[in-house]
Amino acid sequence: MEYVSALVPPVVMAVAFTALIVTMVKSQGGANKAKEDAAVDAVLAARAEAEGRTSGRETA
């Protein structure tokens, strides 16, 4: 019976990890992909603009 109690935690973790990966793969793309991409692009643009302003102040 000890071998069952020793195997249960790794099996449970493997199943949970597999479910997590499947969920991540299924959530990629789809109807919201363009909206998510636009949000990421907006954040990157804002960060680049903020860094540009910061570096401009340091050199001026």
Protein backbone atom coordinates (compact mmCIF):
# COMPACT_ATOMS: atom_id res chain seq x y z
CA MET A 1 0.00 0.00 0.00
CA GLU A 2 2.95 2.32 0.51
CA TYR A 3 3.72 2.30 -3.21
CA VAL A 4 0.22 3.66 -3.93
CA SER A 5 0.67 6.56 -1.51
CA ALA A 6 4.11 7.19 -3.02
CA LEU A 7 2.76 7.30 -6.58
CA VAL A 8 -0.37 9.40 -6.02
CA PRO A 9 1.29 12.86 -5.67
CA PRO A 10 3.38 12.58 -8.87
CA VAL A 11 0.40 11.27 -10.83
CA VAL A 12 -1.82 14.09 -9.56
CA MET A 13 0.83 16.66 -10.46
CA ALA A 14 1.30 15.15 -13.92
CA VAL A 15 -2.44 15.29 -14.59
CA ALA A 16 -2.65 18.89 -13.33
CA PHE A 17 0.34 19.93 -15.44
CA THR A 18 -1.15 18.29 -18.53
CA ALA A 19 -4.46 20.07 -17.92
CA LEU A 20 -2.61 23.38 -17.56
CA ILE A 21 -0.74 22.91 -20.83
CA VAL A 22 -3.91 21.88 -22.67
CA THR A 23 -5.71 24.96 -21.35
CA MET A 24 -2.86 27.22 -22.42
CA VAL A 25 -2.75 25.75 -25.91
CA LYS A 26 -6.52 26.00 -26.34
CA SER A 27 -6.54 29.64 -25.22
CA GLN A 28 -4.01 30.68 -27.86
CA GLY A 29 -5.48 32.37 -30.90
CA GLY A 30 -9.20 32.42 -31.43
CA ALA A 31 -11.53 35.39 -31.46
CA ASN A 32 -9.60 37.43 -28.89
CA LYS A 33 -6.17 37.06 -30.49
CA ALA A 34 -6.29 40.42 -32.29
CA LYS A 35 -7.47 42.21 -29.16
CA GLU A 36 -4.75 40.60 -27.03
CA ASP A 37 -2.09 41.42 -29.62
CA ALA A 38 -3.26 45.04 -29.75
CA ALA A 39 -3.09 45.31 -25.96
CA VAL A 40 0.47 43.96 -25.90
CA ASP A 41 1.51 46.30 -28.71
CA ALA A 42 0.04 49.27 -26.83
CA VAL A 43 1.94 48.38 -23.67
CA LEU A 44 5.20 47.94 -25.57
CA ALA A 45 4.72 51.25 -27.37
CA ALA A 46 3.98 53.05 -24.10
CA ARG A 47 7.06 51.54 -22.49
CA ALA A 48 9.25 52.51 -25.44
CA GLU A 49 7.88 56.06 -25.35
CA ALA A 50 8.48 56.30 -21.59
CA GLU A 51 12.04 55.03 -21.98
CA GLY A 52 12.61 57.51 -24.79
CA ARG A 53 11.45 60.39 -22.61
CA THR A 54 13.56 59.19 -19.68
CA SER A 55 16.72 58.83 -21.74
CA GLY A 56 16.03 62.22 -23.35
CA ARG A 57 15.93 63.93 -19.97
CA GLU A 58 19.17 62.34 -18.84
CA THR A 59 21.08 63.54 -21.88
CA ALA A 60 19.59 67.03 -21.94
